[in-house]
Amino acid sequence: MRDSRQTVVGKEGIAGDVGGHIQACRFGGTCDRFNLFPQNANFNNGTYKSWENEISGALKNGDDVGAVTVTFGRSDPSNARPDTVTVEYSINGESFRRRFMNEVGGGQ
C-alpha cells in the first residue's frame, strides 16, 4: 500500500517513477526516506519484486539468507534517482550479485 512519503520520493525521479523501498517492509524495512528511492514503477513491481520473491522463497524454505548489500550507481551523484541498483547477498553460503537497471524491465 503506497503512502504519501512514497509519492513524494517518486516525484524526485522522472515521469513513471514511484518511491520504492530498498528493503521491503516484509523484510523489516522502514517507510522513512532513508529506505526509499525513486524507481521506475515497472522495475519496482517487476524485476525488483521478483528478486524480493526469491529472498522470500528462500526464507520460507528455511534457507540461510546472509546479509544483503544494496549499492546505487548514479551518473549524476547529486540526483536522488539511481541509474543502477546492485544487490549482493548469499543463500546457504553461496554468494550472488545482481545488477539491475532502474528502468522498464530492469534488465541485468
Protein backbone atom coordinates (compact mmCIF):
# COMPACT_ATOMS: atom_id res chain seq x y z
CA MET A 1 0.00 0.00 0.00
CA ARG A 2 1.50 3.31 -1.13
CA ASP A 3 1.70 6.19 1.32
CA SER A 4 2.41 9.91 0.94
CA ARG A 5 6.15 9.51 1.65
CA GLN A 6 6.48 7.12 -1.27
CA THR A 7 4.63 9.56 -3.53
CA VAL A 8 6.99 12.39 -2.55
CA VAL A 9 10.10 10.27 -3.20
CA GLY A 10 8.71 9.11 -6.56
CA LYS A 11 8.43 12.75 -7.63
CA GLU A 12 12.19 13.17 -7.02
CA GLY A 13 12.72 10.92 -10.04
CA ILE A 14 11.41 11.08 -13.59
CA ALA A 15 7.99 10.52 -15.15
CA GLY A 16 6.80 6.99 -14.39
CA ASP A 17 8.75 6.70 -11.13
CA VAL A 18 7.41 5.71 -7.73
CA GLY A 19 9.01 5.79 -4.31
CA GLY A 20 10.06 2.21 -3.72
CA HIS A 21 11.73 0.53 -0.78
CA ILE A 22 15.35 -0.54 -0.69
CA GLN A 23 14.40 -3.21 1.85
CA ALA A 24 10.80 -4.38 1.59
CA CYS A 25 8.56 -3.89 4.60
CA ARG A 26 8.00 -7.66 4.69
CA PHE A 27 11.72 -7.98 5.48
CA GLY A 28 11.68 -5.31 8.19
CA GLY A 29 12.32 -2.26 6.01
CA THR A 30 11.09 1.09 7.27
CA CYS A 31 8.81 3.54 5.49
CA ASP A 32 11.01 6.57 6.05
CA ARG A 33 13.05 8.49 3.47
CA PHE A 34 16.17 6.53 4.39
CA ASN A 35 14.66 3.33 2.95
CA LEU A 36 13.03 4.82 -0.16
CA PHE A 37 14.37 5.79 -3.56
CA PRO A 38 12.85 6.92 -6.86
CA GLN A 39 12.46 3.93 -9.12
CA ASN A 40 10.68 3.09 -12.32
CA ALA A 41 7.24 1.68 -11.44
CA ASN A 42 7.67 -1.29 -13.79
CA PHE A 43 11.08 -2.11 -12.28
CA ASN A 44 9.65 -1.82 -8.75
CA ASN A 45 6.73 -4.13 -9.44
CA GLY A 46 8.58 -6.43 -11.84
CA THR A 47 12.27 -7.25 -11.73
CA TYR A 48 12.99 -5.92 -8.22
CA LYS A 49 9.89 -7.62 -6.81
CA SER A 50 10.96 -10.89 -8.45
CA TRP A 51 14.29 -10.65 -6.64
CA GLU A 52 12.45 -9.93 -3.36
CA ASN A 53 10.30 -13.01 -4.02
CA GLU A 54 13.48 -15.07 -4.46
CA ILE A 55 14.61 -13.97 -1.00
CA SER A 56 11.14 -14.59 0.44
CA GLY A 57 11.07 -18.09 -1.03
CA ALA A 58 14.50 -18.87 0.42
CA LEU A 59 13.38 -17.73 3.87
CA LYS A 60 10.18 -19.79 3.64
CA ASN A 61 12.30 -22.83 2.70
CA GLY A 62 14.34 -22.31 5.86
CA ASP A 63 17.45 -21.38 3.90
CA ASP A 64 20.15 -19.26 5.50
CA VAL A 65 19.94 -15.83 3.87
CA GLY A 66 23.01 -13.77 4.72
CA ALA A 67 23.40 -10.02 4.85
CA VAL A 68 22.20 -8.10 1.81
CA THR A 69 24.16 -5.12 0.49
CA VAL A 70 22.49 -2.69 -1.91
CA THR A 71 24.62 -0.22 -3.86
CA PHE A 72 23.31 2.56 -6.08
CA GLY A 73 25.06 3.68 -9.24
CA ARG A 74 24.39 7.25 -10.34
CA SER A 75 25.64 9.08 -13.42
CA ASP A 76 24.81 12.29 -11.52
CA PRO A 77 25.84 11.96 -7.84
CA SER A 78 23.55 14.84 -6.85
CA ASN A 79 20.47 13.06 -8.22
CA ALA A 80 18.35 11.04 -5.77
CA ARG A 81 17.43 8.61 -8.55
CA PRO A 82 19.98 5.85 -9.18
CA ASP A 83 20.60 4.56 -12.70
CA THR A 84 21.53 1.10 -11.40
CA VAL A 85 20.93 -0.96 -8.29
CA THR A 86 23.42 -3.69 -7.39
CA VAL A 87 22.43 -6.28 -4.79
CA GLU A 88 24.94 -8.62 -3.14
CA TYR A 89 23.64 -11.41 -0.94
CA SER A 90 24.12 -15.05 -0.02
CA ILE A 91 21.84 -18.03 0.36
CA ASN A 92 23.20 -21.05 2.23
CA GLY A 93 26.72 -19.66 1.90
CA GLU A 94 26.55 -19.21 -1.89
CA SER A 95 27.20 -15.60 -2.90
CA PHE A 96 25.16 -13.81 -5.54
CA ARG A 97 25.47 -10.42 -7.22
CA ARG A 98 22.68 -8.93 -9.30
CA ARG A 99 22.80 -5.62 -11.11
CA PHE A 100 19.54 -4.00 -12.17
CA MET A 101 18.84 -1.02 -14.39
CA ASN A 102 16.31 1.42 -12.91
CA GLU A 103 14.09 1.29 -15.98
CA VAL A 104 11.23 -0.63 -17.58
CA GLY A 105 12.19 -4.29 -17.41
CA GLY A 106 15.13 -3.55 -15.09
CA GLY A 107 17.40 -5.83 -17.11
CA GLN A 108 20.50 -7.24 -15.54
